[in-house]
């Protein structure tokens, strides 16, 4: 292990080598396209064409998914809040998440131009349902428009993945990294929803990539990296955990770029990143309400001790600090989790690694490990190891310490950063490395395509595929309310006229989709006859009367690998 350890001396050698190489490159100007022989020009088009093809298939997968899925549990809250921003110009609902991600969603909401009831006075859960189902709007159209900006942003982050890996290990590495990103079931699943997980993770990745580039041009890229970090902080508060790592990386980048007064400039760079990020958070709130009015719609919990002191010291608007207090209150709640058939209360520290093991394609797992080893083992890649591995590890560690075992969306930065690492496998000077990497990418692509368009319940072949994910995981790993529309179609096609008993976990309104059903938990068990339809997350957590109903029924059908239909 001694050979694999990264020391500051090795980083300094790497920085010096970069400066030498940069000067040599500047001394010999690169040939322009016009100066190249005609036979080489088509080759230059191959890489852009492959990038377009990979992103195009990803776009098709995400748009198809967005068209077919009904609102997931969190989406109506964000869409309703985005509409509120546009029409009320105030922060009222959903303070536990800052405004920027919802402003991005709001671009699509503005284009959809929904009718908004300005007299609405309910809570944030009711806000989205009221907008979608009770205000005369078309929820299918409104949800598609709300999801499209997140889809566009997800595609843009794919370009960051490609550029980052290409700069580390060459064009082929960039294509391998982009291939893994573009076929990642988790990224496709959550990148096609009007939620905040992918935007927040993507902004952190962008900030890290810009810090890597700052090793050569610090004056340009350090402020841009701070802006990207600020965008992450202004999208989701969980990204606060990445601040120390990115501040260290900012100092390291400028220290590598400086020939004199390196320490002073490194400290200055860290300050620039921090202050720029803080400014972006403030700007996101000012974009909603230039007067920064804040009257909580719900009581804000008190937070004491070190956590309370940390919240009070945050240099952000009052609404942001109150949102942090709400988040800490969530962390104190005894949530239920479900892992490998076990229902438990509280959280398990190994939940996210276990869930990632289930929900990541096998070829992707292999390339992640190989890429991480290559980053540390290949001498010329070692300076990049802290940039690629440290932020991903910090964010994953922070999520593992949280109390909400709800899904791999809390670790969606992992397939982004480790796709970059995986591309670095091609820096290993083994003849079979390109062939093996290409084979693994094709294996990942095949596994991803097979699950189309059911990306949320994906699990890899070792765990039985999407049809068996519900036996091991629950919530946004499998069933997030996305298949209510598909359920309505199935009931019309195969079970028309039958009595329906429904236990649905989601934010959709069944009656809007033509589902006439009753709750089986509110009547005696012997009165429940016909079709019993239960969301798989509710099956996983079933106790008492619902458990008795399920045990005494016969499963006959499934919808989207997330809803089970029983015959009674």
Protein backbone atom coordinates (compact mmCIF):
# COMPACT_ATOMS: atom_id res chain seq x y z
CA UNK A 1 0.00 0.00 0.00
CA UNK A 2 2.98 2.32 0.44
CA UNK A 3 3.28 2.75 -3.31
CA UNK A 4 -0.36 3.81 -3.56
CA UNK A 5 -0.23 6.49 -0.88
CA UNK A 6 -0.59 10.06 -2.17
CA UNK A 7 1.77 12.52 -0.50
CA UNK A 8 2.02 16.27 -0.82
CA UNK A 9 5.46 15.75 -2.36
CA UNK A 10 3.95 13.61 -5.12
CA UNK A 11 1.28 16.25 -5.70
CA UNK A 12 3.96 18.89 -5.97
CA UNK A 13 5.86 16.78 -8.51
CA UNK A 14 2.65 16.39 -10.47
CA UNK A 15 2.03 20.13 -10.39
CA UNK A 16 5.56 20.84 -11.62
CA UNK A 17 5.18 18.30 -14.41
CA UNK A 18 1.92 19.95 -15.48
CA UNK A 19 3.54 23.38 -15.64
CA UNK A 20 6.45 22.00 -17.69
CA UNK A 21 4.13 20.20 -20.07
CA UNK A 22 1.97 23.30 -20.45
CA UNK A 23 4.98 25.44 -21.40
CA UNK A 24 6.09 22.85 -23.94
CA UNK A 25 2.62 22.72 -25.42
CA UNK A 26 2.53 26.49 -25.71
CA UNK A 27 5.90 26.47 -27.51
CA UNK A 28 4.56 24.27 -30.32
CA UNK A 29 1.19 25.48 -31.58
CA UNK A 30 -1.34 22.74 -32.35
CA UNK A 31 -2.26 22.31 -36.01
CA UNK A 32 -5.58 23.78 -37.04
CA UNK A 33 -8.28 21.78 -38.78
CA UNK A 34 -7.50 23.52 -42.08
CA UNK A 35 -3.87 22.41 -41.86
CA UNK A 36 -4.75 18.74 -41.47
CA UNK A 37 -4.86 16.42 -44.47
CA UNK A 38 -8.36 15.85 -45.81
CA UNK A 39 -8.32 12.16 -44.82
CA UNK A 40 -8.04 13.10 -41.12
CA UNK A 41 -11.06 15.38 -41.02
CA UNK A 42 -13.70 12.61 -40.92
CA UNK A 43 -11.90 11.11 -37.92
CA UNK A 44 -12.33 14.34 -36.02
CA UNK A 45 -16.08 14.00 -36.48
CA UNK A 46 -16.24 10.53 -34.94
CA UNK A 47 -15.89 11.66 -31.34
CA UNK A 48 -18.51 14.45 -31.49
CA UNK A 49 -20.84 12.02 -33.27
CA UNK A 50 -20.40 9.39 -30.54
CA UNK A 51 -21.03 12.01 -27.85
CA UNK A 52 -24.22 13.10 -29.63
CA UNK A 53 -25.38 9.48 -30.01
CA UNK A 54 -24.81 8.66 -26.33
CA UNK A 55 -26.58 11.79 -25.12
CA UNK A 56 -29.37 11.35 -27.67
CA UNK A 57 -30.20 7.85 -26.43
CA UNK A 58 -30.13 9.19 -22.88
CA UNK A 59 -32.47 12.01 -23.87
CA UNK A 60 -34.88 9.54 -25.50
CA UNK A 61 -34.85 7.38 -22.36
CA UNK A 62 -35.49 10.33 -20.05
CA UNK A 63 -38.17 11.99 -22.18
CA UNK A 64 -40.00 8.68 -22.65
CA UNK A 65 -39.88 8.10 -18.92
CA UNK A 66 -41.09 11.64 -18.24
CA UNK A 67 -44.01 11.17 -20.63
CA UNK A 68 -45.17 7.88 -19.10
CA UNK A 69 -44.76 8.45 -15.35
CA UNK A 70 -47.28 10.13 -13.10
CA UNK A 71 -46.03 12.50 -10.37
CA UNK A 72 -43.71 10.93 -7.83
CA UNK A 73 -44.05 11.74 -4.15
CA UNK A 74 -41.78 14.79 -4.06
CA UNK A 75 -42.48 16.31 -7.47
CA UNK A 76 -45.82 18.06 -6.77
CA UNK A 77 -44.21 19.90 -3.86
CA UNK A 78 -41.42 21.26 -6.06
CA UNK A 79 -43.70 22.04 -9.00
CA UNK A 80 -46.23 23.77 -6.77
CA UNK A 81 -43.52 25.77 -5.04
CA UNK A 82 -42.02 26.75 -8.42
CA UNK A 83 -45.41 28.04 -9.54
CA UNK A 84 -45.71 29.93 -6.27
CA UNK A 85 -42.32 31.56 -6.89
CA UNK A 86 -43.46 32.68 -10.33
CA UNK A 87 -46.79 34.12 -9.25
CA UNK A 88 -46.32 35.21 -5.63
CA UNK A 89 -42.61 36.13 -5.77
CA UNK A 90 -42.15 34.93 -2.20
CA UNK A 91 -40.59 32.02 -0.35
CA UNK A 92 -43.45 30.44 1.57
CA UNK A 93 -43.51 26.66 1.15
CA UNK A 94 -40.77 24.03 1.13
CA UNK A 95 -38.08 26.01 2.99
CA UNK A 96 -36.09 22.80 3.62
CA UNK A 97 -34.79 23.10 0.05
CA UNK A 98 -33.31 26.37 -1.31
CA UNK A 99 -34.87 27.98 -4.39
CA UNK A 100 -32.46 27.41 -7.28
CA UNK A 101 -33.48 23.89 -8.27
CA UNK A 102 -37.14 24.89 -8.10
CA UNK A 103 -36.39 27.97 -10.19
CA UNK A 104 -34.96 25.61 -12.84
CA UNK A 105 -38.16 23.58 -12.66
CA UNK A 106 -40.01 26.88 -12.81
CA UNK A 107 -38.69 27.51 -16.31
CA UNK A 108 -40.75 24.59 -17.53
CA UNK A 109 -43.70 25.58 -15.35
CA UNK A 110 -43.63 29.09 -16.83
CA UNK A 111 -43.66 27.66 -20.38
CA UNK A 112 -46.63 25.45 -19.47
CA UNK A 113 -48.46 28.57 -18.17
CA UNK A 114 -50.75 26.78 -15.70
CA UNK A 115 -53.69 28.34 -13.91
CA UNK A 116 -52.59 29.19 -10.35
CA UNK A 117 -55.03 29.71 -7.49
CA UNK A 118 -53.62 32.67 -5.57
CA UNK A 119 -56.14 32.14 -2.75
CA UNK A 120 -54.78 28.70 -1.81
CA UNK A 121 -53.91 28.41 1.89
CA UNK A 122 -52.98 24.75 2.43
CA UNK A 123 -49.63 23.15 3.26
CA UNK A 124 -46.92 22.26 0.77
CA UNK A 125 -48.19 18.73 0.26
CA UNK A 126 -51.62 20.03 -0.71
CA UNK A 127 -50.11 22.85 -2.80
CA UNK A 128 -48.86 20.62 -5.62
CA UNK A 129 -51.95 18.42 -5.73
CA UNK A 130 -54.14 21.52 -5.86
CA UNK A 131 -52.15 22.91 -8.79
CA UNK A 132 -52.10 19.61 -10.71
CA UNK A 133 -55.58 18.25 -10.08
CA UNK A 134 -57.87 20.95 -8.73
CA UNK A 135 -57.06 24.10 -10.73
CA UNK A 136 -58.16 23.07 -14.21
CA UNK A 137 -54.64 22.16 -15.40
CA UNK A 138 -53.53 19.11 -17.38
CA UNK A 139 -51.17 17.27 -14.97
CA UNK A 140 -49.57 15.24 -17.79
CA UNK A 141 -48.61 18.37 -19.71
CA UNK A 142 -47.57 20.35 -16.65
CA UNK A 143 -45.36 17.56 -15.29
CA UNK A 144 -43.67 17.05 -18.67
CA UNK A 145 -42.84 20.76 -18.95
CA UNK A 146 -41.58 20.81 -15.34
CA UNK A 147 -39.31 17.82 -16.00
CA UNK A 148 -37.79 19.06 -19.27
CA UNK A 149 -35.39 21.62 -17.69
CA UNK A 150 -34.01 18.92 -15.36
CA UNK A 151 -33.57 16.62 -18.34
CA UNK A 152 -31.64 19.33 -20.19
CA UNK A 153 -29.46 19.94 -17.13
CA UNK A 154 -28.78 16.20 -16.77
CA UNK A 155 -27.59 16.06 -20.38
CA UNK A 156 -25.33 19.07 -19.78
CA UNK A 157 -23.72 17.30 -16.82
CA UNK A 158 -22.97 14.44 -19.21
CA UNK A 159 -20.75 16.83 -21.15
CA UNK A 160 -18.96 17.69 -17.91
CA UNK A 161 -18.34 13.98 -17.25
CA UNK A 162 -16.95 13.56 -20.77
CA UNK A 163 -14.73 16.64 -20.57
CA UNK A 164 -13.39 15.77 -17.12
CA UNK A 165 -12.42 12.20 -18.05
CA UNK A 166 -10.98 13.31 -21.39
CA UNK A 167 -8.71 15.82 -19.69
CA UNK A 168 -7.48 13.17 -17.28
CA UNK A 169 -6.88 10.21 -19.59
CA UNK A 170 -7.75 11.08 -23.20
CA UNK A 171 -10.68 11.02 -25.60
CA UNK A 172 -11.35 7.28 -25.25
CA UNK A 173 -11.56 7.70 -21.47
CA UNK A 174 -14.06 10.49 -21.96
CA UNK A 175 -16.24 8.25 -24.11
CA UNK A 176 -16.10 5.40 -21.58
CA UNK A 177 -17.07 7.80 -18.79
CA UNK A 178 -19.91 9.30 -20.83
CA UNK A 179 -21.12 5.83 -21.80
CA UNK A 180 -21.42 4.82 -18.14
CA UNK A 181 -23.14 8.09 -17.26
CA UNK A 182 -25.55 7.98 -20.20
CA UNK A 183 -26.65 4.40 -19.43
CA UNK A 184 -26.76 4.75 -15.63
CA UNK A 185 -30.29 3.68 -14.56
CA UNK A 186 -30.13 5.88 -11.45
CA UNK A 187 -29.09 8.99 -13.36
CA UNK A 188 -31.72 8.40 -16.06
CA UNK A 189 -34.42 7.69 -13.46
CA UNK A 190 -33.85 10.79 -11.36
CA UNK A 191 -32.67 12.99 -14.21
CA UNK A 192 -36.10 12.59 -15.80
CA UNK A 193 -37.97 13.86 -12.72
CA UNK A 194 -38.69 17.38 -11.52
CA UNK A 195 -36.62 16.79 -8.37
CA UNK A 196 -33.39 18.19 -6.93
CA UNK A 197 -31.03 15.23 -6.49
CA UNK A 198 -29.39 15.21 -9.93
CA UNK A 199 -29.06 19.01 -10.23
CA UNK A 200 -27.38 19.28 -6.81
CA UNK A 201 -24.94 16.44 -7.52
CA UNK A 202 -24.22 17.73 -11.01
CA UNK A 203 -23.37 21.20 -9.77
CA UNK A 204 -20.87 19.72 -7.28
CA UNK A 205 -19.29 17.68 -10.09
CA UNK A 206 -19.06 20.81 -12.26
CA UNK A 207 -17.41 22.74 -9.44
CA UNK A 208 -14.79 20.00 -8.97
CA UNK A 209 -14.07 19.86 -12.71
CA UNK A 210 -13.58 23.63 -12.78
CA UNK A 211 -11.22 23.39 -9.82
CA UNK A 212 -9.20 20.80 -11.71
CA UNK A 213 -8.97 23.19 -14.65
CA UNK A 214 -7.95 25.96 -12.23
CA UNK A 215 -4.58 24.25 -11.87
CA UNK A 216 -3.71 25.87 -15.22
CA UNK A 217 -5.91 29.01 -15.28
CA UNK A 218 -6.85 29.86 -11.69
CA UNK A 219 -8.09 33.40 -12.33
CA UNK A 220 -10.76 32.13 -14.71
CA UNK A 221 -11.82 28.87 -13.14
CA UNK A 222 -11.67 29.51 -9.39
CA UNK A 223 -14.59 32.01 -9.44
CA UNK A 224 -16.54 29.75 -11.81
CA UNK A 225 -15.98 26.81 -9.46
CA UNK A 226 -17.32 28.92 -6.60
CA UNK A 227 -20.41 29.77 -8.65
CA UNK A 228 -21.04 26.08 -9.39
CA UNK A 229 -20.62 25.21 -5.71
CA UNK A 230 -23.04 28.00 -4.84
CA UNK A 231 -25.54 26.56 -7.33
CA UNK A 232 -25.29 23.21 -5.52
CA UNK A 233 -25.80 24.84 -2.12
CA UNK A 234 -28.73 26.83 -3.52
CA UNK A 235 -30.35 23.62 -4.79
CA UNK A 236 -30.03 21.17 -1.90
CA UNK A 237 -28.68 21.63 1.61
CA UNK A 238 -27.06 18.19 1.76
CA UNK A 239 -24.28 19.57 -0.47
CA UNK A 240 -23.04 21.66 2.47
CA UNK A 241 -21.01 18.58 3.42
CA UNK A 242 -18.87 19.08 0.30
CA UNK A 243 -17.71 22.59 1.24
CA UNK A 244 -14.58 21.63 3.24
CA UNK A 245 -13.38 19.24 0.52
CA UNK A 246 -13.87 21.78 -2.25
CA UNK A 247 -12.17 24.54 -0.28
CA UNK A 248 -9.13 22.28 0.15
CA UNK A 249 -9.18 21.44 -3.56
CA UNK A 250 -9.38 25.13 -4.46
CA UNK A 251 -6.29 25.86 -2.38
CA UNK A 252 -4.51 22.86 -3.86
CA UNK A 253 -5.27 23.95 -7.43
CA UNK A 254 -3.89 27.44 -6.96
CA UNK A 255 -0.90 26.15 -5.00
CA UNK A 256 -0.09 23.93 -7.99
CA UNK A 257 -0.51 26.84 -10.41
CA UNK A 258 1.63 29.30 -8.44
CA UNK A 259 5.39 29.68 -8.74
CA UNK A 260 5.69 32.06 -5.80
CA UNK A 261 3.60 33.04 -2.79
CA UNK A 262 1.75 29.78 -3.31
CA UNK A 263 0.34 29.53 0.21
CA UNK A 264 -1.05 33.05 0.17
CA UNK A 265 -2.68 32.51 -3.20
CA UNK A 266 -4.09 29.16 -2.12
CA UNK A 267 -5.78 30.77 0.87
CA UNK A 268 -7.10 33.55 -1.36
CA UNK A 269 -8.53 30.98 -3.79
CA UNK A 270 -10.31 29.17 -0.98
CA UNK A 271 -11.79 32.50 0.13
CA UNK A 272 -12.92 33.33 -3.42
CA UNK A 273 -14.68 29.97 -3.80
CA UNK A 274 -16.39 30.37 -0.43
CA UNK A 275 -17.53 33.97 -0.94
CA UNK A 276 -18.72 33.31 -4.49
CA UNK A 277 -20.74 30.31 -3.34
CA UNK A 278 -22.34 32.36 -0.56
CA UNK A 279 -23.19 35.11 -3.04
CA UNK A 280 -24.91 32.65 -5.40
CA UNK A 281 -27.11 31.38 -2.56
CA UNK A 282 -28.18 34.94 -1.73
CA UNK A 283 -28.85 35.68 -5.40
CA UNK A 284 -31.12 32.62 -5.68
CA UNK A 285 -33.32 33.96 -2.88
CA UNK A 286 -33.24 37.49 -4.32
CA UNK A 287 -34.42 36.09 -7.66
CA UNK A 288 -37.56 34.84 -5.93
CA UNK A 289 -38.15 37.87 -3.74
CA UNK A 290 -35.91 40.97 -3.94
CA UNK A 291 -37.26 42.04 -0.53
CA UNK A 292 -36.34 38.70 1.08
CA UNK A 293 -39.65 38.44 2.92
CA UNK A 294 -39.95 35.30 5.00
CA UNK A 295 -42.97 34.24 7.03
CA UNK A 296 -42.93 30.45 7.60
CA UNK A 297 -46.09 28.65 6.49
CA UNK A 298 -45.45 26.01 9.17
CA UNK A 299 -43.81 26.16 12.60
CA UNK A 300 -40.01 26.04 12.44
CA UNK A 301 -38.55 23.51 14.91
CA UNK A 302 -36.01 24.71 17.45
CA UNK A 303 -32.50 23.28 17.08
CA UNK A 304 -30.17 23.32 20.09
CA UNK A 305 -26.57 22.45 20.88
CA UNK A 306 -23.80 22.42 18.31
CA UNK A 307 -26.25 21.97 15.45
CA UNK A 308 -28.19 25.04 16.52
CA UNK A 309 -24.98 27.05 16.78
CA UNK A 310 -23.89 25.90 13.32
CA UNK A 311 -27.23 26.96 11.84
CA UNK A 312 -27.03 30.37 13.51
CA UNK A 313 -23.54 30.92 12.05
CA UNK A 314 -24.53 30.11 8.46
CA UNK A 315 -24.02 33.26 6.32
CA UNK A 316 -27.24 32.69 4.42
CA UNK A 317 -30.75 34.20 4.40
CA UNK A 318 -33.07 33.50 7.31
CA UNK A 319 -35.23 31.23 5.14
CA UNK A 320 -32.17 29.06 4.40
CA UNK A 321 -31.32 28.77 8.09
CA UNK A 322 -34.91 27.86 8.95
CA UNK A 323 -34.79 25.26 6.20
CA UNK A 324 -31.73 23.77 7.87
CA UNK A 325 -33.65 23.59 11.13
CA UNK A 326 -36.41 21.67 9.35
CA UNK A 327 -33.80 19.30 7.89
CA UNK A 328 -32.29 18.65 11.32
CA UNK A 329 -35.77 17.95 12.65
CA UNK A 330 -36.20 15.37 9.88
CA UNK A 331 -32.96 13.75 10.99
CA UNK A 332 -34.40 13.25 14.48
CA UNK A 333 -37.50 11.46 13.19
CA UNK A 334 -37.59 7.63 13.53
CA UNK A 335 -38.09 6.79 9.84
CA UNK A 336 -38.70 3.23 8.69
CA UNK A 337 -36.31 1.51 6.28
CA UNK A 338 -36.40 -1.72 4.28
CA UNK A 339 -33.35 -3.69 3.17
CA UNK A 340 -33.13 -7.29 1.91
CA UNK A 341 -36.57 -8.14 3.27
CA UNK A 342 -36.01 -6.57 6.69
CA UNK A 343 -38.28 -3.75 7.87
CA UNK A 344 -36.60 -1.63 10.55
CA UNK A 345 -36.93 1.68 12.35
CA UNK A 346 -34.03 4.11 12.30
CA UNK A 347 -31.17 3.92 9.82
CA UNK A 348 -28.38 1.53 8.87
CA UNK A 349 -24.93 2.92 8.16
CA UNK A 350 -24.38 0.39 5.38
CA UNK A 351 -27.76 0.96 3.70
CA UNK A 352 -26.54 3.14 0.82
CA UNK A 353 -23.55 0.93 -0.13
CA UNK A 354 -25.87 -2.09 -0.08
CA UNK A 355 -28.51 -0.28 -2.15
CA UNK A 356 -25.87 0.85 -4.66
CA UNK A 357 -24.68 -2.74 -4.93
CA UNK A 358 -28.21 -3.80 -5.89
CA UNK A 359 -29.07 -0.91 -8.21
CA UNK A 360 -25.80 -0.44 -10.12
CA UNK A 361 -25.12 -2.46 -13.30
CA UNK A 362 -22.46 -5.12 -12.71
CA UNK A 363 -20.18 -3.84 -15.45
CA UNK A 364 -20.36 -0.38 -13.95
CA UNK A 365 -19.38 -1.66 -10.52
CA UNK A 366 -16.34 -3.38 -12.01
CA UNK A 367 -15.22 -0.26 -13.86
CA UNK A 368 -15.75 1.92 -10.78
CA UNK A 369 -13.36 -0.21 -8.77
CA UNK A 370 -10.82 -0.48 -11.56
CA UNK A 371 -10.97 3.27 -12.23
CA UNK A 372 -10.50 4.19 -8.58
CA UNK A 373 -7.47 1.90 -8.39
CA UNK A 374 -6.06 3.38 -11.60
CA UNK A 375 -6.39 6.92 -10.24
CA UNK A 376 -4.21 6.02 -7.28
CA UNK A 377 -1.85 3.54 -8.97
CA UNK A 378 -0.98 5.38 -12.21
CA UNK A 379 1.59 8.03 -11.40
CA UNK A 380 0.39 10.69 -13.82
CA UNK A 381 -3.19 10.33 -12.56
CA UNK A 382 -2.43 10.63 -8.84
CA UNK A 383 -2.80 14.41 -8.73
CA UNK A 384 -6.40 13.94 -9.95
CA UNK A 385 -7.32 11.32 -7.35
CA UNK A 386 -8.33 13.82 -4.62
CA UNK A 387 -10.53 15.71 -7.09
CA UNK A 388 -12.44 12.67 -8.31
CA UNK A 389 -12.58 10.49 -5.21
CA UNK A 390 -12.66 12.87 -2.23
CA UNK A 391 -15.90 14.82 -2.96
CA UNK A 392 -17.75 11.63 -3.90
CA UNK A 393 -16.58 9.91 -0.71
CA UNK A 394 -17.46 12.89 1.49
CA UNK A 395 -20.99 13.22 0.10
CA UNK A 396 -21.58 9.47 0.30
CA UNK A 397 -20.28 9.40 3.89
CA UNK A 398 -22.54 12.28 4.90
CA UNK A 399 -25.56 10.55 3.34
CA UNK A 400 -24.69 7.29 5.12
CA UNK A 401 -24.80 9.13 8.44
CA UNK A 402 -28.29 10.47 7.71
CA UNK A 403 -31.47 9.01 9.14
CA UNK A 404 -33.43 8.58 5.88
CA UNK A 405 -32.83 5.24 4.15
CA UNK A 406 -35.09 6.10 1.22
CA UNK A 407 -33.01 5.36 -1.84
CA UNK A 408 -29.86 5.71 -3.90
CA UNK A 409 -30.98 9.16 -5.02
CA UNK A 410 -29.21 10.39 -1.88
CA UNK A 411 -25.99 9.09 -3.44
CA UNK A 412 -26.63 9.97 -7.09
CA UNK A 413 -23.30 11.82 -7.18
CA UNK A 414 -21.59 8.41 -6.99
CA UNK A 415 -22.32 7.29 -10.58
CA UNK A 416 -21.31 10.76 -11.79
CA UNK A 417 -17.88 10.98 -10.13
CA UNK A 418 -17.06 7.30 -10.52
CA UNK A 419 -17.90 7.41 -14.22
CA UNK A 420 -15.01 9.87 -14.51
CA UNK A 421 -12.83 7.52 -12.47
CA UNK A 422 -13.85 4.55 -14.63
CA UNK A 423 -12.63 6.29 -17.76
CA UNK A 424 -9.16 6.43 -16.23
CA UNK A 425 -8.88 2.65 -16.63
CA UNK A 426 -7.64 3.38 -20.14
CA UNK A 427 -4.56 5.08 -18.69
CA UNK A 428 -3.35 1.66 -17.51
CA UNK A 429 -0.82 0.38 -20.03
CA UNK A 430 -2.32 -3.06 -20.49
CA UNK A 431 -3.24 -4.23 -23.97
CA UNK A 432 -6.52 -5.70 -22.89
CA UNK A 433 -7.68 -2.61 -20.94
CA UNK A 434 -9.49 -0.88 -23.87
CA UNK A 435 -11.18 -4.12 -24.93
CA UNK A 436 -12.25 -4.96 -21.38
CA UNK A 437 -13.50 -1.42 -20.73
CA UNK A 438 -15.47 -1.44 -23.98
CA UNK A 439 -17.01 -4.80 -23.15
CA UNK A 440 -18.06 -3.59 -19.71
CA UNK A 441 -19.67 -0.46 -21.19
CA UNK A 442 -21.62 -2.63 -23.66
CA UNK A 443 -22.70 -4.88 -20.76
CA UNK A 444 -23.93 -1.81 -18.87
CA UNK A 445 -25.75 -0.54 -21.96
CA UNK A 446 -27.51 -3.87 -22.46
CA UNK A 447 -28.56 -4.03 -18.81
CA UNK A 448 -29.85 -0.46 -18.93
CA UNK A 449 -31.74 -0.89 -22.20
CA UNK A 450 -33.44 -4.04 -20.89
CA UNK A 451 -35.05 -2.07 -18.07
CA UNK A 452 -36.41 0.65 -20.38
CA UNK A 453 -38.60 2.52 -19.50
CA UNK A 454 -38.78 1.28 -15.89
CA UNK A 455 -35.60 2.86 -14.54
CA UNK A 456 -36.68 3.63 -10.96
CA UNK A 457 -37.09 -0.05 -9.97
CA UNK A 458 -33.89 -1.17 -11.71
CA UNK A 459 -31.64 -3.75 -10.06
CA UNK A 460 -28.80 -5.63 -11.67
CA UNK A 461 -28.81 -9.24 -12.86
CA UNK A 462 -27.19 -10.59 -9.70
CA UNK A 463 -30.28 -9.51 -7.74
CA UNK A 464 -32.88 -10.65 -10.23
CA UNK A 465 -33.51 -7.49 -12.24
CA UNK A 466 -36.29 -4.89 -11.89
CA UNK A 467 -39.01 -7.46 -11.25
CA UNK A 468 -37.40 -8.48 -7.95
CA UNK A 469 -36.11 -5.16 -6.63
CA UNK A 470 -39.14 -4.81 -4.34
CA UNK A 471 -38.00 -7.89 -2.42
CA UNK A 472 -34.87 -6.05 -1.27
CA UNK A 473 -35.55 -2.30 -1.33
CA UNK A 474 -38.44 0.13 -1.13
CA UNK A 475 -39.42 3.81 -1.57
CA UNK A 476 -37.67 5.72 -4.39
CA UNK A 477 -35.57 2.64 -5.18
CA UNK A 478 -38.68 0.91 -6.49
CA UNK A 479 -42.00 2.59 -5.91
CA UNK A 480 -42.28 6.36 -5.69
CA UNK A 481 -45.85 6.67 -6.95
CA UNK A 482 -44.75 6.83 -10.60
CA UNK A 483 -47.03 4.14 -12.04
CA UNK A 484 -50.53 5.37 -11.20
CA UNK A 485 -51.26 6.19 -14.84
CA UNK A 486 -50.01 2.77 -15.98
CA UNK A 487 -52.20 1.17 -13.32
CA UNK A 488 -55.25 2.97 -14.70
CA UNK A 489 -54.46 1.68 -18.20
CA UNK A 490 -54.00 -1.88 -16.95
CA UNK A 491 -57.27 -1.87 -15.02
CA UNK A 492 -59.16 -0.61 -18.09
CA UNK A 493 -57.55 -3.13 -20.42
CA UNK A 494 -57.70 -6.31 -18.31
CA UNK A 495 -59.97 -5.81 -15.31
CA UNK A 496 -62.78 -3.57 -16.49
CA UNK A 497 -65.83 -3.66 -14.22
CA UNK A 498 -64.14 -5.37 -11.28
CA UNK A 499 -64.23 -4.06 -7.71
CA UNK A 500 -60.95 -2.30 -6.86
CA UNK A 501 -59.40 -1.98 -3.41
CA UNK A 502 -56.36 0.31 -3.49
CA UNK A 503 -53.45 1.08 -1.18
CA UNK A 504 -51.42 3.59 -3.19
CA UNK A 505 -48.22 5.26 -1.98
CA UNK A 506 -47.79 8.46 -3.94
CA UNK A 507 -48.91 12.00 -4.64
CA UNK A 508 -51.17 11.29 -7.59
CA UNK A 509 -54.95 11.38 -7.32
CA UNK A 510 -56.34 7.97 -8.44
CA UNK A 511 -59.80 9.30 -9.34
CA UNK A 512 -58.31 11.74 -11.87
CA UNK A 513 -56.98 8.77 -13.85
CA UNK A 514 -60.33 7.00 -13.74
CA UNK A 515 -59.55 4.61 -10.88
CA UNK A 516 -62.62 4.09 -8.71
CA UNK A 517 -61.33 2.34 -5.60
CA UNK A 518 -61.84 2.06 -1.84
CA UNK A 519 -59.35 1.67 0.99
CA UNK A 520 -59.38 -1.96 2.19
CA UNK A 521 -57.99 -0.97 5.58
CA UNK A 522 -61.23 0.81 6.52
CA UNK A 523 -63.60 -2.16 6.25
CA UNK A 524 -63.65 -5.68 7.74
CA UNK A 525 -61.32 -8.14 6.01
CA UNK A 526 -64.14 -10.44 4.83
CA UNK A 527 -65.73 -7.55 2.88
CA UNK A 528 -62.63 -7.05 0.72
CA UNK A 529 -63.38 -9.05 -2.44
CA UNK A 530 -62.25 -8.47 -6.00
CA UNK A 531 -58.87 -6.89 -6.84
CA UNK A 532 -56.52 -5.75 -4.11
CA UNK A 533 -53.98 -3.30 -5.58
CA UNK A 534 -51.03 -2.35 -3.37
CA UNK A 535 -47.93 -0.22 -3.99
CA UNK A 536 -44.85 -2.34 -3.37
CA UNK A 537 -43.48 0.07 -0.75
CA UNK A 538 -46.71 -0.46 1.18
CA UNK A 539 -46.32 -4.21 0.75
CA UNK A 540 -42.82 -4.02 2.21
CA UNK A 541 -44.08 -2.11 5.25
CA UNK A 542 -47.40 -3.93 5.65
CA UNK A 543 -48.49 -4.79 9.17
CA UNK A 544 -51.76 -5.61 10.87
CA UNK A 545 -54.87 -5.66 8.66
CA UNK A 546 -53.01 -4.89 5.41
CA UNK A 547 -50.55 -7.72 6.03
CA UNK A 548 -53.45 -10.09 6.70
CA UNK A 549 -55.14 -9.01 3.45
CA UNK A 550 -51.99 -9.55 1.42
CA UNK A 551 -51.27 -12.93 3.01
CA UNK A 552 -54.78 -14.15 2.20
CA UNK A 553 -54.70 -12.95 -1.42
CA UNK A 554 -53.18 -14.33 -4.62
CA UNK A 555 -50.83 -12.11 -6.69
CA UNK A 556 -51.92 -12.10 -10.34
CA UNK A 557 -50.23 -9.11 -11.98
CA UNK A 558 -47.69 -6.32 -11.58
CA UNK A 559 -47.57 -2.79 -12.99
CA UNK A 560 -44.24 -1.13 -13.73
CA UNK A 561 -42.46 -3.40 -11.23
CA UNK A 562 -43.82 -1.11 -8.50
CA UNK A 563 -47.48 -2.05 -7.95
CA UNK A 564 -48.83 -5.57 -7.31
CA UNK A 565 -52.38 -6.67 -8.15
CA UNK A 566 -53.88 -9.44 -6.00
CA UNK A 567 -57.05 -11.47 -6.46
CA UNK A 568 -59.39 -11.97 -3.50
